[in-house]
């Protein structure tokens, strides 16, 4: 935006027409003249006073519009709804399905705080329209919105506040309060608030880039934030005996369980993420007849849903987390895992894409989170004691990954090597995963007691 401080403002002039009277404010910025007409002298005087005040305070004027920078930005600002749709469109091509979902969720949370109250459609309909249509580029570009969304979209287009309003502290604080609450009004998890604030920060940076805001308003707002709990709860970490019980129980959960023993084995013995295990092809395995093998992980396929993935499938194929798209992570496969994988390939082979795990119903389908989640819940109930089952121990399949990393660390494997195998930085590894195995605390206390000379 080109600006100038060379401003001259003339007195209001009156033009008497045959039926109406118009009051004109005339001014000049640099060498360019501007004129704006008003129906009453009061409106003209008020507008002229704004120009004079801006000039006397030393504010620059935009040479394109003739207005002070603050007024120019406000009058020509996109609405929040228009801007949010444009932001999603800008980010969409380079984002993973998970990231697309996260952006849509954040903007669907923020937008209701930036639209009018009067005449607003039901809150659930507004949120569903925003999340399922407005902030999903593939659906938005597919054609006419469903009838249930069309009216809400028209309302949003005409009742959204200007982006420039976010420069006002009371507005940005209202937005921050919104992302700090769940739909039921209770405080959101710290990690959720932090993630949504990061998305909002990035969106506002884009607004600054488009000159819709002079600066990112989040930088000027100080709010009290709670520290997120990054560390793994050591109560979820299983020891080898408990893990063996759980894997055996998985194999007893019908055909689905038999097909998934090796899947859970990859999480426990090799610390794979579920998306990495679901994406693993047979070509990435080196399995000797006995002893240690190796896994050459080519990527991951986290669940996003067909609406958010590039392929239109349930799982979005991506590179390894925190690595280049073509990077491969090599992870050792201990003998128990090698045995599980060989048995799986011998009995079940691969699906039509050459992967070890897929849909239980169709040969080319993707493994469903709900399927392996139900198998795990049943196996956990069957394998654990009543006391263990009531605890957080291995409540989620992902907790097997925590157990794998904890096992490696407690075995004395250097953190740099563990970080390489697990696909993390050393800093993240030591902050999040450096936890003791279940059952190790008693041994540690005994060693401390012996050092203190206690009986």
Protein backbone atom coordinates (compact mmCIF):
# COMPACT_ATOMS: atom_id res chain seq x y z
CA UNK A 1 0.00 0.00 0.00
CA UNK A 2 1.60 3.26 -1.16
CA UNK A 3 1.18 6.13 1.29
CA UNK A 4 1.96 9.82 1.61
CA UNK A 5 2.00 12.48 4.31
CA UNK A 6 1.42 15.25 1.75
CA UNK A 7 -2.26 15.91 2.51
CA UNK A 8 -4.43 18.97 1.95
CA UNK A 9 -8.09 19.10 3.01
CA UNK A 10 -10.52 21.79 1.82
CA UNK A 11 -13.73 23.04 3.38
CA UNK A 12 -17.05 21.34 2.72
CA UNK A 13 -18.74 22.59 -0.44
CA UNK A 14 -22.44 22.49 -1.20
CA UNK A 15 -24.05 21.55 -4.49
CA UNK A 16 -27.71 22.53 -4.87
CA UNK A 17 -29.43 20.22 -7.32
CA UNK A 18 -32.95 20.43 -8.68
CA UNK A 19 -34.31 18.05 -6.06
CA UNK A 20 -31.51 17.29 -3.60
CA UNK A 21 -28.57 18.98 -1.97
CA UNK A 22 -25.18 17.26 -1.79
CA UNK A 23 -22.34 18.20 0.53
CA UNK A 24 -18.88 17.42 -0.78
CA UNK A 25 -15.64 16.85 1.08
CA UNK A 26 -12.63 17.48 -1.16
CA UNK A 27 -9.02 16.71 -0.36
CA UNK A 28 -5.70 15.91 -2.00
CA UNK A 29 -3.09 13.23 -1.21
CA UNK A 30 0.25 13.83 -2.93
CA UNK A 31 -0.87 15.07 -6.38
CA UNK A 32 -4.12 13.09 -6.51
CA UNK A 33 -7.47 14.76 -5.76
CA UNK A 34 -10.42 13.05 -4.06
CA UNK A 35 -14.06 13.96 -3.48
CA UNK A 36 -16.85 12.29 -1.52
CA UNK A 37 -20.49 13.41 -1.37
CA UNK A 38 -22.93 13.27 1.56
CA UNK A 39 -26.65 13.88 1.93
CA UNK A 40 -26.32 16.09 5.03
CA UNK A 41 -23.84 18.69 6.15
CA UNK A 42 -23.42 16.85 9.48
CA UNK A 43 -22.20 13.69 7.76
CA UNK A 44 -19.84 15.70 5.57
CA UNK A 45 -18.45 17.61 8.55
CA UNK A 46 -17.96 14.37 10.50
CA UNK A 47 -16.06 12.72 7.63
CA UNK A 48 -13.91 15.82 7.10
CA UNK A 49 -13.14 15.91 10.83
CA UNK A 50 -11.85 12.32 10.64
CA UNK A 51 -9.52 13.28 7.79
CA UNK A 52 -8.27 16.36 9.62
CA UNK A 53 -7.68 14.44 12.84
CA UNK A 54 -5.70 11.77 11.01
CA UNK A 55 -3.58 14.35 9.20
CA UNK A 56 -2.84 16.33 12.37
CA UNK A 57 -1.84 13.14 14.24
CA UNK A 58 0.73 12.37 11.57
CA UNK A 59 -1.03 9.35 10.07
CA UNK A 60 -0.12 8.39 6.52
CA UNK A 61 -2.77 8.48 3.80
CA UNK A 62 -3.13 5.77 1.14
CA UNK A 63 -2.53 7.24 -2.31
CA UNK A 64 -4.88 4.73 -3.94
CA UNK A 65 -7.95 5.51 -1.83
CA UNK A 66 -7.09 8.92 -0.44
CA UNK A 67 -8.03 7.77 3.04
CA UNK A 68 -5.92 7.54 6.19
CA UNK A 69 -4.35 4.09 6.38
CA UNK A 70 -6.61 3.07 9.27
CA UNK A 71 -9.79 4.13 7.43
CA UNK A 72 -8.64 2.67 4.12
CA UNK A 73 -7.95 -0.70 5.68
CA UNK A 74 -11.29 -0.73 7.49
CA UNK A 75 -13.37 0.31 4.48
CA UNK A 76 -11.70 -2.13 2.13
CA UNK A 77 -11.30 -5.03 4.51
CA UNK A 78 -12.61 -8.44 3.61
CA UNK A 79 -15.16 -9.94 5.93
CA UNK A 80 -13.91 -12.62 8.29
CA UNK A 81 -15.95 -15.31 6.55
CA UNK A 82 -14.60 -14.35 3.13
CA UNK A 83 -11.05 -14.21 4.47
CA UNK A 84 -11.31 -17.54 6.33
CA UNK A 85 -12.47 -19.31 3.16
CA UNK A 86 -9.57 -17.75 1.24
CA UNK A 87 -7.10 -18.79 3.96
CA UNK A 88 -8.28 -22.40 3.80
CA UNK A 89 -7.95 -22.34 0.02
CA UNK A 90 -4.39 -21.02 0.29
CA UNK A 91 -3.33 -23.67 2.81
CA UNK A 92 -5.18 -26.68 1.36
CA UNK A 93 -2.80 -27.89 -1.41
CA UNK A 94 0.22 -28.31 0.87
CA UNK A 95 -1.55 -29.63 3.97
CA UNK A 96 -2.05 -33.19 5.16
CA UNK A 97 -5.57 -34.41 5.81
CA UNK A 98 -5.05 -34.09 9.57
CA UNK A 99 -3.86 -30.51 9.20
CA UNK A 100 -6.83 -29.66 6.99
CA UNK A 101 -9.17 -31.02 9.63
CA UNK A 102 -7.40 -29.04 12.34
CA UNK A 103 -7.64 -25.78 10.41
CA UNK A 104 -11.33 -26.35 9.67
CA UNK A 105 -12.04 -27.19 13.30
CA UNK A 106 -10.30 -24.04 14.52
CA UNK A 107 -12.00 -21.71 12.04
CA UNK A 108 -15.38 -23.31 12.76
CA UNK A 109 -14.76 -22.53 16.43
CA UNK A 110 -13.64 -18.93 15.83
CA UNK A 111 -16.13 -17.82 13.18
CA UNK A 112 -19.28 -17.81 15.38
CA UNK A 113 -17.54 -15.19 17.55
CA UNK A 114 -17.08 -12.97 14.49
CA UNK A 115 -20.60 -12.88 13.10
CA UNK A 116 -23.73 -11.01 14.13
CA UNK A 117 -26.08 -12.28 16.82
CA UNK A 118 -29.37 -11.16 15.28
CA UNK A 119 -30.98 -13.73 13.04
CA UNK A 120 -28.20 -16.25 13.54
CA UNK A 121 -29.11 -19.85 12.55
CA UNK A 122 -28.85 -22.63 15.13
CA UNK A 123 -25.34 -23.00 16.54
CA UNK A 124 -25.06 -26.67 15.52
CA UNK A 125 -26.11 -25.84 11.95
CA UNK A 126 -23.60 -22.99 11.70
CA UNK A 127 -20.78 -25.22 12.93
CA UNK A 128 -21.75 -28.10 10.64
CA UNK A 129 -21.95 -25.76 7.65
CA UNK A 130 -18.55 -24.26 8.38
CA UNK A 131 -16.76 -27.53 9.10
CA UNK A 132 -18.39 -29.73 6.47
CA UNK A 133 -18.66 -27.23 3.61
CA UNK A 134 -17.19 -23.74 3.91
CA UNK A 135 -13.78 -24.85 5.20
CA UNK A 136 -13.51 -28.01 3.09
CA UNK A 137 -12.12 -26.91 -0.27
CA UNK A 138 -12.94 -30.13 -2.08
CA UNK A 139 -16.61 -29.97 -1.13
CA UNK A 140 -16.88 -26.21 -1.59
CA UNK A 141 -15.53 -26.47 -5.13
CA UNK A 142 -17.70 -29.46 -6.02
CA UNK A 143 -20.72 -27.31 -6.83
CA UNK A 144 -23.87 -26.06 -5.19
CA UNK A 145 -24.00 -26.55 -1.40
CA UNK A 146 -26.67 -28.84 0.06
CA UNK A 147 -29.99 -27.14 0.72
CA UNK A 148 -29.51 -27.40 4.50
CA UNK A 149 -26.30 -25.33 4.19
CA UNK A 150 -27.23 -22.82 1.48
CA UNK A 151 -29.28 -20.46 3.65
CA UNK A 152 -26.68 -20.49 6.43
CA UNK A 153 -23.91 -19.69 3.95
CA UNK A 154 -25.84 -16.70 2.61
CA UNK A 155 -26.36 -15.47 6.17
CA UNK A 156 -22.67 -15.87 7.00
CA UNK A 157 -21.64 -13.98 3.87
CA UNK A 158 -23.70 -10.95 4.84
CA UNK A 159 -23.34 -10.99 8.63
CA UNK A 160 -19.62 -11.48 9.18
CA UNK A 161 -17.49 -8.77 10.76
CA UNK A 162 -14.59 -7.15 8.87
CA UNK A 163 -11.18 -8.67 9.44
CA UNK A 164 -10.06 -5.23 10.59
CA UNK A 165 -12.19 -5.62 13.73
CA UNK A 166 -9.66 -8.14 15.02
CA UNK A 167 -7.25 -5.28 15.63
CA UNK A 168 -9.49 -4.24 18.54
CA UNK A 169 -8.39 -5.86 21.83
CA UNK A 170 -11.93 -6.66 22.99
CA UNK A 171 -12.62 -8.57 19.76
CA UNK A 172 -9.45 -10.66 19.78
CA UNK A 173 -9.98 -11.46 23.46
CA UNK A 174 -13.48 -12.73 22.68
CA UNK A 175 -12.00 -14.98 20.01
CA UNK A 176 -9.34 -16.31 22.40
CA UNK A 177 -12.01 -17.04 25.00
CA UNK A 178 -13.89 -19.04 22.37
CA UNK A 179 -10.98 -21.30 21.51
CA UNK A 180 -10.37 -21.85 25.22
CA UNK A 181 -13.78 -23.50 25.67
CA UNK A 182 -15.40 -26.70 24.49
CA UNK A 183 -18.84 -26.74 22.89
CA UNK A 184 -20.39 -27.50 26.28
CA UNK A 185 -18.77 -24.40 27.79
CA UNK A 186 -16.20 -26.28 29.86
CA UNK A 187 -12.49 -25.41 29.58
CA UNK A 188 -10.80 -27.04 26.61
CA UNK A 189 -7.69 -29.15 27.07
CA UNK A 190 -4.53 -27.06 27.15
CA UNK A 191 -3.13 -28.90 24.14
CA UNK A 192 -6.31 -28.22 22.17
CA UNK A 193 -6.27 -24.50 22.99
CA UNK A 194 -2.60 -24.31 22.11
CA UNK A 195 -3.16 -26.04 18.77
CA UNK A 196 -6.09 -23.78 17.85
CA UNK A 197 -4.20 -20.66 18.87
CA UNK A 198 -1.36 -21.70 16.57
CA UNK A 199 -3.78 -22.02 13.65
CA UNK A 200 -5.35 -18.65 14.48
CA UNK A 201 -1.90 -17.03 14.70
CA UNK A 202 -1.01 -18.35 11.26
CA UNK A 203 -4.31 -17.14 9.80
CA UNK A 204 -3.76 -13.65 11.21
CA UNK A 205 -0.24 -13.60 9.78
CA UNK A 206 -1.86 -14.21 6.41
CA UNK A 207 -4.20 -11.29 7.08
CA UNK A 208 -1.16 -9.09 7.73
CA UNK A 209 0.39 -10.36 4.49
CA UNK A 210 -2.75 -9.33 2.63
CA UNK A 211 -2.64 -5.93 4.37
CA UNK A 212 -5.99 -6.53 6.05
CA UNK A 213 -4.36 -5.96 9.45
CA UNK A 214 -1.40 -3.70 10.34
CA UNK A 215 0.10 -6.36 12.61
CA UNK A 216 -0.82 -9.63 14.24
CA UNK A 217 -3.15 -8.69 17.14
CA UNK A 218 -2.24 -11.82 19.10
CA UNK A 219 1.17 -10.32 19.79
CA UNK A 220 -0.41 -7.46 21.74
CA UNK A 221 -2.73 -9.56 23.89
CA UNK A 222 -1.41 -11.11 27.07
CA UNK A 223 -3.43 -14.01 28.43
CA UNK A 224 -2.64 -16.47 31.14
CA UNK A 225 -1.91 -19.88 29.68
CA UNK A 226 -1.62 -23.18 31.45
CA UNK A 227 1.21 -25.52 30.72
CA UNK A 228 0.25 -28.56 28.68
CA UNK A 229 1.12 -31.99 30.06
CA UNK A 230 3.57 -33.36 27.50
CA UNK A 231 4.92 -36.23 29.54
CA UNK A 232 3.53 -39.70 29.12
CA UNK A 233 1.68 -40.97 32.17
CA UNK A 234 3.85 -43.86 33.29
CA UNK A 235 0.74 -45.71 34.44
CA UNK A 236 -0.12 -46.45 30.80
CA UNK A 237 3.19 -48.20 30.07
CA UNK A 238 3.07 -52.00 30.07
CA UNK A 239 5.97 -54.26 31.00
CA UNK A 240 7.00 -57.22 28.78
CA UNK A 241 4.87 -59.75 30.67
CA UNK A 242 1.76 -57.59 30.39
CA UNK A 243 2.45 -56.94 26.71
CA UNK A 244 2.75 -60.67 26.02
CA UNK A 245 -0.62 -61.26 27.70
CA UNK A 246 -2.26 -58.54 25.65
CA UNK A 247 -0.89 -59.74 22.31
CA UNK A 248 -1.97 -63.29 23.09
CA UNK A 249 -5.45 -62.04 23.93
CA UNK A 250 -5.64 -60.12 20.64
CA UNK A 251 -5.15 -63.36 18.75
CA UNK A 252 -8.17 -64.83 20.55
CA UNK A 253 -10.59 -62.12 19.33
CA UNK A 254 -11.84 -63.97 16.26
CA UNK A 255 -10.55 -63.51 12.72
CA UNK A 256 -10.14 -59.76 13.14
CA UNK A 257 -7.95 -60.35 16.18
CA UNK A 258 -5.81 -62.94 14.39
CA UNK A 259 -5.21 -60.46 11.56
CA UNK A 260 -4.19 -57.73 13.98
CA UNK A 261 -1.70 -59.47 16.28
CA UNK A 262 1.20 -58.39 14.08
CA UNK A 263 -0.26 -54.87 13.85
CA UNK A 264 -0.16 -54.42 17.62
CA UNK A 265 3.20 -56.19 17.67
CA UNK A 266 4.63 -53.46 15.44
CA UNK A 267 3.45 -50.82 17.92
CA UNK A 268 4.97 -52.63 20.91
CA UNK A 269 8.20 -54.12 19.53
CA UNK A 270 9.11 -51.41 16.99
CA UNK A 271 7.36 -48.28 18.38
CA UNK A 272 5.47 -47.65 15.16
CA UNK A 273 2.65 -45.15 15.10
CA UNK A 274 -0.70 -46.72 14.08
CA UNK A 275 -0.64 -44.82 10.79
CA UNK A 276 2.85 -46.15 10.04
CA UNK A 277 1.83 -49.73 10.79
CA UNK A 278 -1.31 -49.41 8.64
CA UNK A 279 0.82 -48.13 5.75
CA UNK A 280 3.55 -50.79 6.01
CA UNK A 281 4.05 -52.82 2.80
CA UNK A 282 5.60 -56.28 2.68
CA UNK A 283 8.39 -54.83 0.51
CA UNK A 284 9.57 -52.77 3.52
CA UNK A 285 10.37 -55.87 5.59
CA UNK A 286 13.62 -57.77 5.91
CA UNK A 287 12.73 -60.92 7.83
CA UNK A 288 15.38 -63.60 8.26
CA UNK A 289 14.38 -67.15 9.17
CA UNK A 290 15.46 -66.41 12.70
CA UNK A 291 16.95 -63.58 14.74
CA UNK A 292 16.63 -59.84 14.21
CA UNK A 293 15.03 -58.30 11.16
CA UNK A 294 14.61 -54.73 9.93
CA UNK A 295 11.75 -52.46 8.92
CA UNK A 296 12.27 -49.79 6.27
CA UNK A 297 9.37 -47.43 6.91
CA UNK A 298 8.44 -45.51 3.74
CA UNK A 299 5.70 -43.28 5.14
CA UNK A 300 2.50 -43.12 7.10
CA UNK A 301 -1.23 -43.19 6.45
CA UNK A 302 -3.08 -41.57 9.35
CA UNK A 303 -6.86 -41.66 9.34
CA UNK A 304 -8.40 -38.44 8.08
CA UNK A 305 -11.59 -39.48 6.30
CA UNK A 306 -12.26 -39.40 2.57
CA UNK A 307 -13.43 -35.77 2.65
CA UNK A 308 -10.01 -34.49 3.74
CA UNK A 309 -7.50 -36.72 1.97
CA UNK A 310 -5.99 -36.12 -1.48
CA UNK A 311 -6.88 -39.63 -2.62
CA UNK A 312 -10.47 -39.59 -1.39
CA UNK A 313 -9.68 -42.63 0.78
CA UNK A 314 -10.09 -43.15 4.52
CA UNK A 315 -6.36 -42.85 5.12
CA UNK A 316 -4.17 -40.03 3.82
CA UNK A 317 -0.81 -41.28 2.56
CA UNK A 318 1.98 -39.00 3.78
CA UNK A 319 5.69 -39.02 4.41
CA UNK A 320 7.08 -39.87 7.80
CA UNK A 321 6.32 -37.37 10.54
CA UNK A 322 8.90 -34.56 10.83
CA UNK A 323 10.84 -35.91 7.83
CA UNK A 324 11.14 -35.27 4.10
CA UNK A 325 8.55 -36.94 1.89
CA UNK A 326 11.08 -39.41 0.46
CA UNK A 327 12.80 -40.22 3.78
CA UNK A 328 12.89 -43.81 5.06
CA UNK A 329 13.22 -44.71 8.74
CA UNK A 330 14.99 -47.94 9.60
CA UNK A 331 13.79 -49.70 12.75
CA UNK A 332 15.09 -53.03 14.12
CA UNK A 333 12.62 -55.88 14.42
CA UNK A 334 13.43 -58.10 17.43
CA UNK A 335 12.96 -61.86 17.04
CA UNK A 336 9.42 -61.95 18.57
CA UNK A 337 8.26 -59.36 16.04
CA UNK A 338 10.00 -61.11 13.18
CA UNK A 339 8.13 -64.28 14.10
CA UNK A 340 4.78 -62.45 14.23
CA UNK A 341 5.33 -60.82 10.84
CA UNK A 342 6.40 -64.03 9.12
CA UNK A 343 3.37 -65.83 10.53
CA UNK A 344 1.07 -63.02 9.40
CA UNK A 345 2.40 -63.03 5.84
CA UNK A 346 2.19 -66.82 5.62
CA UNK A 347 -1.44 -66.93 6.77
CA UNK A 348 -2.95 -63.66 5.47
CA UNK A 349 -0.57 -62.32 2.85
CA UNK A 350 -1.11 -58.70 1.81
CA UNK A 351 -3.98 -56.66 0.41
CA UNK A 352 -4.18 -55.51 -3.21
CA UNK A 353 -1.86 -52.58 -2.43
CA UNK A 354 0.83 -54.88 -1.03
CA UNK A 355 0.26 -53.79 2.56
CA UNK A 356 0.12 -56.07 5.56
CA UNK A 357 -3.10 -54.64 6.95
CA UNK A 358 -6.26 -53.39 5.31
CA UNK A 359 -10.02 -53.57 5.45
CA UNK A 360 -11.55 -56.70 6.91
CA UNK A 361 -14.25 -56.61 4.20
CA UNK A 362 -12.70 -55.44 0.93
CA UNK A 363 -9.28 -56.43 -0.46
CA UNK A 364 -8.33 -52.87 -1.42
CA UNK A 365 -9.81 -51.03 1.59
CA UNK A 366 -7.99 -49.33 4.44
CA UNK A 367 -7.71 -50.55 8.02
CA UNK A 368 -10.34 -48.88 10.17
CA UNK A 369 -9.46 -47.30 13.50
CA UNK A 370 -12.77 -48.45 14.91
CA UNK A 371 -12.03 -52.08 14.03
CA UNK A 372 -8.65 -52.28 15.72
CA UNK A 373 -9.98 -50.15 18.58
CA UNK A 374 -12.76 -52.65 19.32
CA UNK A 375 -10.34 -55.59 19.10
CA UNK A 376 -7.96 -53.87 21.51
CA UNK A 377 -10.70 -53.05 24.01
CA UNK A 378 -11.85 -56.69 24.04
CA UNK A 379 -8.30 -58.04 24.33
CA UNK A 380 -7.50 -55.66 27.16
CA UNK A 381 -10.56 -56.77 29.11
CA UNK A 382 -9.64 -60.43 28.59
CA UNK A 383 -5.91 -60.16 29.35
CA UNK A 384 -5.67 -57.80 32.31
CA UNK A 385 -6.60 -58.34 35.92
CA UNK A 386 -9.54 -56.38 37.31
CA UNK A 387 -7.14 -53.95 38.98
CA UNK A 388 -5.09 -53.47 35.81
CA UNK A 389 -8.19 -53.05 33.65
CA UNK A 390 -9.50 -50.32 35.96
CA UNK A 391 -6.23 -48.42 35.63
CA UNK A 392 -4.99 -46.38 32.63
CA UNK A 393 -2.62 -49.25 31.71
CA UNK A 394 -2.48 -49.62 27.89
CA UNK A 395 -5.89 -48.01 27.55
CA UNK A 396 -5.10 -46.99 23.98
CA UNK A 397 -3.19 -48.96 21.34
CA UNK A 398 -0.85 -45.96 21.06
CA UNK A 399 0.31 -46.70 24.61
CA UNK A 400 2.18 -49.70 23.18
CA UNK A 401 4.47 -47.23 21.39
CA UNK A 402 5.16 -45.53 24.71
CA UNK A 403 6.06 -48.91 26.17
CA UNK A 404 8.43 -49.66 23.30
CA UNK A 405 10.35 -46.41 23.69
CA UNK A 406 10.46 -46.79 27.48
CA UNK A 407 11.82 -50.32 27.08
CA UNK A 408 14.61 -49.14 24.81
CA UNK A 409 15.58 -46.31 27.14
CA UNK A 410 15.52 -48.50 30.24
CA UNK A 411 17.63 -51.07 28.40
CA UNK A 412 20.37 -48.45 28.10
CA UNK A 413 20.03 -47.66 24.38
CA UNK A 414 21.50 -44.17 23.79
CA UNK A 415 18.77 -41.52 23.45
CA UNK A 416 20.08 -40.46 20.03
CA UNK A 417 19.54 -44.00 18.74
CA UNK A 418 16.13 -44.31 20.37
CA UNK A 419 15.09 -40.99 18.83
CA UNK A 420 16.20 -42.22 15.41
CA UNK A 421 14.22 -45.46 15.71
CA UNK A 422 11.13 -43.75 17.11
CA UNK A 423 11.15 -40.87 14.63
CA UNK A 424 11.56 -38.06 17.16
CA UNK A 425 14.06 -35.41 18.09
CA UNK A 426 16.16 -36.14 21.17
CA UNK A 427 14.58 -33.16 22.97
CA UNK A 428 11.05 -34.44 22.40
CA UNK A 429 12.09 -37.96 23.31
CA UNK A 430 13.52 -36.99 26.69
CA UNK A 431 10.61 -34.69 27.49
CA UNK A 432 7.82 -37.05 26.50
CA UNK A 433 8.97 -40.67 26.50
CA UNK A 434 11.64 -41.04 29.13
CA UNK A 435 9.44 -42.94 31.57
CA UNK A 436 9.99 -46.08 33.61
CA UNK A 437 8.34 -49.35 32.81
CA UNK A 438 5.41 -50.47 34.95
CA UNK A 439 6.85 -52.39 37.88
CA UNK A 440 10.27 -50.69 37.82
CA UNK A 441 9.57 -48.24 40.65
CA UNK A 442 9.75 -50.91 43.38
CA UNK A 443 13.20 -51.97 42.20
CA UNK A 444 14.35 -48.37 42.15
CA UNK A 445 13.08 -47.81 45.69
CA UNK A 446 14.94 -50.90 46.86
CA UNK A 447 18.17 -49.59 45.39
CA UNK A 448 17.63 -46.23 47.11
CA UNK A 449 16.88 -48.03 50.37
CA UNK A 450 20.06 -50.07 50.11
CA UNK A 451 22.06 -46.88 49.51
CA UNK A 452 20.51 -45.39 52.65
CA UNK A 453 21.25 -48.50 54.66
CA UNK A 454 17.57 -49.26 55.26
CA UNK A 455 16.52 -52.83 56.09
